[in-house]
Amino acid sequence: MTQHDHANSPPDQAGSPFDQIINDDGAIDAAAEWSREQLLAGRVAEEIVGDLVAQGWDEDEASGLVEEVRKLTRDERGVVTRDTVAAIANREYRRGSGGWSVGFPTIAAARRLFHAMASLRWLRHFGSRRR
């Protein structure tokens, strides 16, 4: 049978392998939404994984799902990561050390000082939120 004949031949009578695919997105979406609500209510991720395992979920799947939801809800829960702080500090540093003032060392030094003080104030703000 040539490639052309194979392309025009009817599918097997047993059915397509795609017919054997199980769509479990509904269950995953429901568990993710429930996990999101629980995290926003203040529950610990390990407790949520335990509840999902008790409901019949595989432990690895449940922990992966809860971890993904935990990462997605960081902003809603007020979590500040090192990456966020580092990105903002880097942006402020670059903003304070560039531009036209580079040609004027005294002005550039004063500008960097002001940006350093602003960055310190910003970091103290996040430090006080954690307490």
C-alpha atoms as a PDB file:
ATOM      1  CA  MET A   1       0.000   0.000   0.000  1.00  0.00           C
ATOM      2  CA  THR A   2       1.470   3.356  -0.968  1.00  0.00           C
ATOM      3  CA  GLN A   3       1.419   6.463   1.159  1.00  0.00           C
ATOM      4  CA  HIS A   4      -1.311   7.928  -1.036  1.00  0.00           C
ATOM      5  CA  ASP A   5      -3.496   4.804  -0.654  1.00  0.00           C
ATOM      6  CA  HIS A   6      -2.984   4.835   3.128  1.00  0.00           C
ATOM      7  CA  ALA A   7      -4.116   8.457   3.372  1.00  0.00           C
ATOM      8  CA  ASN A   8      -7.340   7.667   1.489  1.00  0.00           C
ATOM      9  CA  SER A   9      -8.161   4.432   3.305  1.00  0.00           C
ATOM     10  CA  PRO A  10     -11.020   4.405   5.839  1.00  0.00           C
ATOM     11  CA  PRO A  11     -10.170   4.365   9.568  1.00  0.00           C
ATOM     12  CA  ASP A  12      -9.997   1.068  11.430  1.00  0.00           C
ATOM     13  CA  GLN A  13     -13.295  -0.418  12.508  1.00  0.00           C
ATOM     14  CA  ALA A  14     -12.073  -0.631  16.123  1.00  0.00           C
ATOM     15  CA  GLY A  15     -12.278   3.125  16.415  1.00  0.00           C
ATOM     16  CA  SER A  16      -9.835   5.918  16.805  1.00  0.00           C
ATOM     17  CA  PRO A  17      -7.334   5.992  19.645  1.00  0.00           C
ATOM     18  CA  PHE A  18      -8.757   9.423  20.410  1.00  0.00           C
ATOM     19  CA  ASP A  19     -12.044   7.746  21.372  1.00  0.00           C
ATOM     20  CA  GLN A  20     -10.234   6.188  24.333  1.00  0.00           C
ATOM     21  CA  ILE A  21      -9.119   9.543  25.770  1.00  0.00           C
ATOM     22  CA  ILE A  22     -10.871  10.425  28.997  1.00  0.00           C
ATOM     23  CA  ASN A  23     -11.578  14.103  29.537  1.00  0.00           C
ATOM     24  CA  ASP A  24     -11.101  14.783  33.241  1.00  0.00           C
ATOM     25  CA  ASP A  25     -10.709  18.545  32.942  1.00  0.00           C
ATOM     26  CA  GLY A  26     -13.966  19.092  34.810  1.00  0.00           C
ATOM     27  CA  ALA A  27     -12.723  17.242  37.881  1.00  0.00           C
ATOM     28  CA  ILE A  28      -9.356  19.004  37.744  1.00  0.00           C
ATOM     29  CA  ASP A  29     -11.003  22.423  37.357  1.00  0.00           C
ATOM     30  CA  ALA A  30     -13.360  21.752  40.257  1.00  0.00           C
ATOM     31  CA  ALA A  31     -10.500  20.599  42.494  1.00  0.00           C
ATOM     32  CA  ALA A  32      -8.394  23.604  41.495  1.00  0.00           C
ATOM     33  CA  GLU A  33     -11.235  26.018  42.282  1.00  0.00           C
ATOM     34  CA  TRP A  34     -11.877  24.329  45.618  1.00  0.00           C
ATOM     35  CA  SER A  35      -8.136  24.452  46.417  1.00  0.00           C
ATOM     36  CA  ARG A  36      -8.049  28.142  45.494  1.00  0.00           C
ATOM     37  CA  GLU A  37     -10.945  28.901  47.840  1.00  0.00           C
ATOM     38  CA  GLN A  38      -9.277  26.955  50.639  1.00  0.00           C
ATOM     39  CA  LEU A  39      -5.936  28.732  50.185  1.00  0.00           C
ATOM     40  CA  LEU A  40      -7.622  32.136  50.152  1.00  0.00           C
ATOM     41  CA  ALA A  41      -9.445  31.145  53.341  1.00  0.00           C
ATOM     42  CA  GLY A  42      -6.056  30.646  55.003  1.00  0.00           C
ATOM     43  CA  ARG A  43      -5.679  26.873  55.002  1.00  0.00           C
ATOM     44  CA  VAL A  44      -2.235  25.323  54.669  1.00  0.00           C
ATOM     45  CA  ALA A  45      -1.367  23.579  51.376  1.00  0.00           C
ATOM     46  CA  GLU A  46      -0.536  20.284  53.120  1.00  0.00           C
ATOM     47  CA  GLU A  47      -4.020  20.123  54.651  1.00  0.00           C
ATOM     48  CA  ILE A  48      -5.615  20.699  51.268  1.00  0.00           C
ATOM     49  CA  VAL A  49      -3.483  17.945  49.700  1.00  0.00           C
ATOM     50  CA  GLY A  50      -4.567  15.616  52.524  1.00  0.00           C
ATOM     51  CA  ASP A  51      -8.223  16.394  51.859  1.00  0.00           C
ATOM     52  CA  LEU A  52      -7.809  15.755  48.124  1.00  0.00           C
ATOM     53  CA  VAL A  53      -6.063  12.437  48.810  1.00  0.00           C
ATOM     54  CA  ALA A  54      -8.930  11.506  51.151  1.00  0.00           C
ATOM     55  CA  GLN A  55     -11.333  12.239  48.271  1.00  0.00           C
ATOM     56  CA  GLY A  56      -9.485   9.730  46.068  1.00  0.00           C
ATOM     57  CA  TRP A  57      -6.850  11.844  44.308  1.00  0.00           C
ATOM     58  CA  ASP A  58      -3.364  10.487  43.769  1.00  0.00           C
ATOM     59  CA  GLU A  59      -0.986  12.187  46.221  1.00  0.00           C
ATOM     60  CA  ASP A  60       1.427  13.378  43.499  1.00  0.00           C
ATOM     61  CA  GLU A  61      -1.399  14.789  41.373  1.00  0.00           C
ATOM     62  CA  ALA A  62      -2.977  16.484  44.382  1.00  0.00           C
ATOM     63  CA  SER A  63       0.274  18.070  45.543  1.00  0.00           C
ATOM     64  CA  GLY A  64       1.058  19.244  42.004  1.00  0.00           C
ATOM     65  CA  LEU A  65      -2.393  20.762  41.621  1.00  0.00           C
ATOM     66  CA  VAL A  66      -2.261  22.536  44.982  1.00  0.00           C
ATOM     67  CA  GLU A  67       1.265  23.798  44.292  1.00  0.00           C
ATOM     68  CA  GLU A  68       0.157  25.283  40.964  1.00  0.00           C
ATOM     69  CA  VAL A  69      -2.861  26.954  42.592  1.00  0.00           C
ATOM     70  CA  ARG A  70      -0.637  28.220  45.426  1.00  0.00           C
ATOM     71  CA  LYS A  71       1.669  29.904  42.904  1.00  0.00           C
ATOM     72  CA  LEU A  72      -1.249  31.426  41.002  1.00  0.00           C
ATOM     73  CA  THR A  73      -2.818  32.936  44.134  1.00  0.00           C
ATOM     74  CA  ARG A  74       0.307  34.612  45.533  1.00  0.00           C
ATOM     75  CA  ASP A  75      -0.876  38.114  44.671  1.00  0.00           C
ATOM     76  CA  GLU A  76      -4.359  37.517  46.080  1.00  0.00           C
ATOM     77  CA  ARG A  77      -2.901  36.201  49.335  1.00  0.00           C
ATOM     78  CA  GLY A  78      -0.437  39.107  49.618  1.00  0.00           C
ATOM     79  CA  VAL A  79       2.668  36.962  49.265  1.00  0.00           C
ATOM     80  CA  VAL A  80       5.861  38.753  48.249  1.00  0.00           C
ATOM     81  CA  THR A  81       8.589  36.561  46.771  1.00  0.00           C
ATOM     82  CA  ARG A  82      12.318  37.164  46.510  1.00  0.00           C
ATOM     83  CA  ASP A  83      11.927  37.404  42.744  1.00  0.00           C
ATOM     84  CA  THR A  84       9.414  40.236  43.102  1.00  0.00           C
ATOM     85  CA  VAL A  85      11.626  42.181  45.492  1.00  0.00           C
ATOM     86  CA  ALA A  86      14.727  41.600  43.353  1.00  0.00           C
ATOM     87  CA  ALA A  87      12.942  42.694  40.161  1.00  0.00           C
ATOM     88  CA  ILE A  88      11.675  45.910  41.729  1.00  0.00           C
ATOM     89  CA  ALA A  89      15.045  46.684  43.334  1.00  0.00           C
ATOM     90  CA  ASN A  90      16.780  46.062  40.000  1.00  0.00           C
ATOM     91  CA  ARG A  91      14.303  48.306  38.185  1.00  0.00           C
ATOM     92  CA  GLU A  92      14.804  51.082  40.736  1.00  0.00           C
ATOM     93  CA  TYR A  93      18.583  50.726  40.530  1.00  0.00           C
ATOM     94  CA  ARG A  94      18.535  50.972  36.738  1.00  0.00           C
ATOM     95  CA  ARG A  95      16.159  53.906  36.849  1.00  0.00           C
ATOM     96  CA  GLY A  96      18.421  55.715  39.323  1.00  0.00           C
ATOM     97  CA  SER A  97      21.713  55.089  37.575  1.00  0.00           C
ATOM     98  CA  GLY A  98      20.958  56.046  33.988  1.00  0.00           C
ATOM     99  CA  GLY A  99      19.846  58.950  31.888  1.00  0.00           C
ATOM    100  CA  TRP A 100      21.343  62.350  31.209  1.00  0.00           C
ATOM    101  CA  SER A 101      22.732  62.763  34.729  1.00  0.00           C
ATOM    102  CA  VAL A 102      25.499  60.232  34.025  1.00  0.00           C
ATOM    103  CA  GLY A 103      27.517  63.045  32.439  1.00  0.00           C
ATOM    104  CA  PHE A 104      27.325  65.046  35.665  1.00  0.00           C
ATOM    105  CA  PRO A 105      28.905  62.972  38.461  1.00  0.00           C
ATOM    106  CA  THR A 106      27.595  65.077  41.345  1.00  0.00           C
ATOM    107  CA  ILE A 107      24.026  65.028  40.050  1.00  0.00           C
ATOM    108  CA  ALA A 108      24.291  61.320  39.259  1.00  0.00           C
ATOM    109  CA  ALA A 109      25.521  60.571  42.796  1.00  0.00           C
ATOM    110  CA  ALA A 110      22.679  62.578  44.347  1.00  0.00           C
ATOM    111  CA  ARG A 111      20.148  60.856  42.111  1.00  0.00           C
ATOM    112  CA  ARG A 112      21.474  57.408  43.056  1.00  0.00           C
ATOM    113  CA  LEU A 113      21.311  58.397  46.739  1.00  0.00           C
ATOM    114  CA  PHE A 114      17.662  59.392  46.430  1.00  0.00           C
ATOM    115  CA  HIS A 115      16.832  56.143  44.631  1.00  0.00           C
ATOM    116  CA  ALA A 116      18.693  54.141  47.277  1.00  0.00           C
ATOM    117  CA  MET A 117      16.676  55.841  50.021  1.00  0.00           C
ATOM    118  CA  ALA A 118      13.447  55.174  48.121  1.00  0.00           C
ATOM    119  CA  SER A 119      14.409  51.507  47.692  1.00  0.00           C
ATOM    120  CA  LEU A 120      15.186  51.200  51.391  1.00  0.00           C
ATOM    121  CA  ARG A 121      11.815  52.721  52.243  1.00  0.00           C
ATOM    122  CA  TRP A 122      10.117  50.301  49.859  1.00  0.00           C
ATOM    123  CA  LEU A 123      11.902  47.302  51.398  1.00  0.00           C
ATOM    124  CA  ARG A 124      10.968  48.447  54.916  1.00  0.00           C
ATOM    125  CA  HIS A 125       7.355  48.692  53.769  1.00  0.00           C
ATOM    126  CA  PHE A 126       7.386  45.026  52.727  1.00  0.00           C
ATOM    127  CA  GLY A 127       9.220  44.053  55.892  1.00  0.00           C
ATOM    128  CA  SER A 128       6.527  45.654  58.038  1.00  0.00           C
ATOM    129  CA  ARG A 129       3.776  43.834  56.077  1.00  0.00           C
ATOM    130  CA  ARG A 130       5.239  40.441  57.000  1.00  0.00           C
ATOM    131  CA  ARG A 131       5.040  41.039  60.758  1.00  0.00           C
END
